[in-house]
């Protein structure tokens, strides 16, 4: 079977404050508000919603605010386990982004992934973003070797659950 070729059309996340979300994605990240719509959704319990779409240079992120929905409590996962990574393919530009985040009062932390710098930060909704300077492409690699790693992990996990 041939590999299916997909590209990501957009990412979608909840918003818990439209004004803060708009400010963050336009002023801090420099994206454009591409469109917004509001109405009532039968699929979402006949509640009012707001949808905002931000984008720029091949990136489109949609945010949905739904009447009556509150920010969920933490589920205990590490805060950076779920994140969106944005690559700018330049170590120098990562440093420039650190300065930009500082100028906007955005807290961040850095990680070094084998000499490739990354900056992590949260948007106003609690979604974690990463800006990385990866200048090297990941290669296709050894599919069989990767599958062996997954199978070993799965075998150990099943044994641990059985105890």
Foldseek 3Di string as FASTA:
>chain_A
DDDDDDDDPAAEEEDDDVVQLVCCCCVLVNWDFPDKDWDFDVVVVRWIKIWTWTDDDRYIYIYMYTPPDDQDDDPPDPLVPAAAEAEPQAPVVQVVSVVSCVVVVWDWDWDQDPNKIKIWGAGPSSHIYIYINDNDDDDPDDPVVVVVVVVVVVVVVVVVVVD
